Amino acid sequence: METLALWVTIAFLLTHELDAVLRHEWRIHPLTSFFSDRTGEQVFIWAHVPLSVLLIWIAKLGPDSYAAYLLSCVAIVHIFLHWLFRNHPANEFDNLSSRVLIWLTGLAGAWHLILVF
């Protein structure tokens, strides 16, 4: 069950990241917000190649790895980061689907941590 919880966390995170491209998250993200739209979009998209490799590697390590614990903690903190940036003028995560993906990512991370501990 712990393995399923980790995979669900990863699945929600990757799906949220797809939505993040649609919602122009590079305009909000402190590491990419200073780029032009065209450059920011490309940097944001290509940054997801190593991120995806990292997530696959974490999944391969298994649900009891420190990397998996850290990923689940990041998924939970991710909810609060979106909450902090909720009033940012470029925030486009203003629809039910985006909010549900953000919350389910964090809840899946919490589920994983509850199961392993």
Protein backbone atom coordinates (compact mmCIF):
# COMPACT_ATOMS: atom_id res chain seq x y z
CA MET A 1 0.00 0.00 0.00
CA GLU A 2 2.93 2.34 0.69
CA THR A 3 4.14 1.86 -2.87
CA LEU A 4 0.71 2.77 -4.23
CA ALA A 5 0.63 5.91 -2.07
CA LEU A 6 4.03 6.99 -3.40
CA TRP A 7 2.99 6.38 -7.02
CA VAL A 8 -0.27 8.28 -6.49
CA THR A 9 1.70 11.21 -5.05
CA ILE A 10 3.99 11.18 -8.09
CA ALA A 11 1.04 10.87 -10.48
CA PHE A 12 -0.77 13.84 -8.93
CA LEU A 13 2.43 15.89 -8.92
CA LEU A 14 3.15 15.20 -12.60
CA THR A 15 -0.47 15.94 -13.51
CA HIS A 16 -0.29 19.19 -11.55
CA GLU A 17 2.86 20.08 -13.46
CA LEU A 18 1.01 19.58 -16.75
CA ASP A 19 -1.63 21.96 -15.44
CA ALA A 20 1.13 24.34 -14.32
CA VAL A 21 2.28 24.74 -17.92
CA LEU A 22 -1.29 25.56 -18.96
CA ARG A 23 -1.55 28.04 -16.06
CA HIS A 24 1.76 29.77 -16.87
CA GLU A 25 3.34 28.97 -13.50
CA TRP A 26 6.73 30.30 -14.66
CA ARG A 27 5.21 33.78 -14.26
CA ILE A 28 4.83 33.15 -10.52
CA HIS A 29 7.84 30.96 -9.76
CA PRO A 30 10.68 33.05 -8.30
CA LEU A 31 13.31 31.21 -10.40
CA THR A 32 11.57 31.90 -13.72
CA SER A 33 9.33 34.95 -13.24
CA PHE A 34 11.95 37.38 -14.55
CA PHE A 35 12.14 35.69 -17.97
CA SER A 36 10.11 36.78 -20.96
CA ASP A 37 7.05 34.62 -21.49
CA ARG A 38 8.62 32.70 -24.36
CA THR A 39 11.88 32.01 -22.48
CA GLY A 40 10.12 31.33 -19.16
CA GLU A 41 7.85 28.77 -20.77
CA GLN A 42 10.79 26.93 -22.36
CA VAL A 43 12.88 26.96 -19.18
CA PHE A 44 9.88 25.77 -17.17
CA ILE A 45 9.06 22.96 -19.59
CA TRP A 46 12.65 21.74 -20.01
CA ALA A 47 13.25 21.86 -16.25
CA HIS A 48 10.68 19.12 -15.99
CA VAL A 49 12.92 16.62 -17.78
CA PRO A 50 15.33 16.26 -14.83
CA LEU A 51 12.39 16.61 -12.44
CA SER A 52 10.68 13.65 -14.12
CA VAL A 53 13.89 11.61 -13.99
CA LEU A 54 14.18 12.44 -10.29
CA LEU A 55 10.60 11.34 -9.62
CA ILE A 56 11.10 8.06 -11.48
CA TRP A 57 14.34 7.48 -9.56
CA ILE A 58 12.55 8.14 -6.25
CA ALA A 59 9.82 5.68 -7.22
CA LYS A 60 12.50 3.09 -8.04
CA LEU A 61 14.10 3.59 -4.62
CA GLY A 62 10.79 2.67 -3.05
CA PRO A 63 8.38 4.10 -0.50
CA ASP A 64 10.72 3.53 2.45
CA SER A 65 13.56 5.64 1.08
CA TYR A 66 14.50 9.01 2.53
CA ALA A 67 14.00 10.48 -0.94
CA ALA A 68 10.40 9.25 -0.94
CA TYR A 69 9.83 10.73 2.53
CA LEU A 70 11.26 14.04 1.33
CA LEU A 71 9.08 13.99 -1.79
CA SER A 72 5.97 13.48 0.30
CA CYS A 73 6.99 16.35 2.60
CA VAL A 74 7.53 18.56 -0.45
CA ALA A 75 4.07 17.58 -1.74
CA ILE A 76 2.54 18.75 1.54
CA VAL A 77 4.56 21.99 1.67
CA HIS A 78 3.57 22.55 -1.96
CA ILE A 79 -0.03 23.19 -0.82
CA PHE A 80 1.17 26.02 1.43
CA LEU A 81 3.38 27.50 -1.28
CA HIS A 82 0.39 27.76 -3.59
CA TRP A 83 -1.61 29.26 -0.74
CA LEU A 84 1.13 31.88 -0.18
CA PHE A 85 1.07 32.85 -3.85
CA ARG A 86 -2.74 32.75 -4.17
CA ASN A 87 -2.96 36.55 -4.57
CA HIS A 88 -0.03 36.87 -6.97
CA PRO A 89 -1.23 38.90 -9.98
CA ALA A 90 -0.06 36.21 -12.41
CA ASN A 91 -1.69 33.32 -10.53
CA GLU A 92 -3.96 31.37 -12.89
CA PHE A 93 -4.63 28.44 -10.56
CA ASP A 94 -8.08 29.89 -9.95
CA ASN A 95 -10.22 26.94 -10.99
CA LEU A 96 -11.50 23.86 -9.21
CA SER A 97 -9.42 21.39 -11.22
CA SER A 98 -6.13 23.17 -10.47
CA ARG A 99 -6.92 23.50 -6.78
CA VAL A 100 -7.97 19.86 -6.49
CA LEU A 101 -4.74 18.69 -8.14
CA ILE A 102 -2.68 20.79 -5.73
CA TRP A 103 -4.55 19.50 -2.69
CA LEU A 104 -4.60 15.86 -3.82
CA THR A 105 -0.84 15.96 -4.38
CA GLY A 106 -0.32 17.04 -0.77
CA LEU A 107 -2.93 14.65 0.61
CA ALA A 108 -1.37 11.75 -1.28
CA GLY A 109 2.01 12.72 0.18
CA ALA A 110 0.47 12.75 3.67
CA TRP A 111 -1.14 9.36 2.97
CA HIS A 112 2.27 7.96 2.00
CA LEU A 113 3.90 9.29 5.18
CA ILE A 114 1.10 7.97 7.38
CA LEU A 115 1.44 4.51 5.86
CA VAL A 116 5.23 4.32 6.21
CA PHE A 117 5.29 5.64 9.76
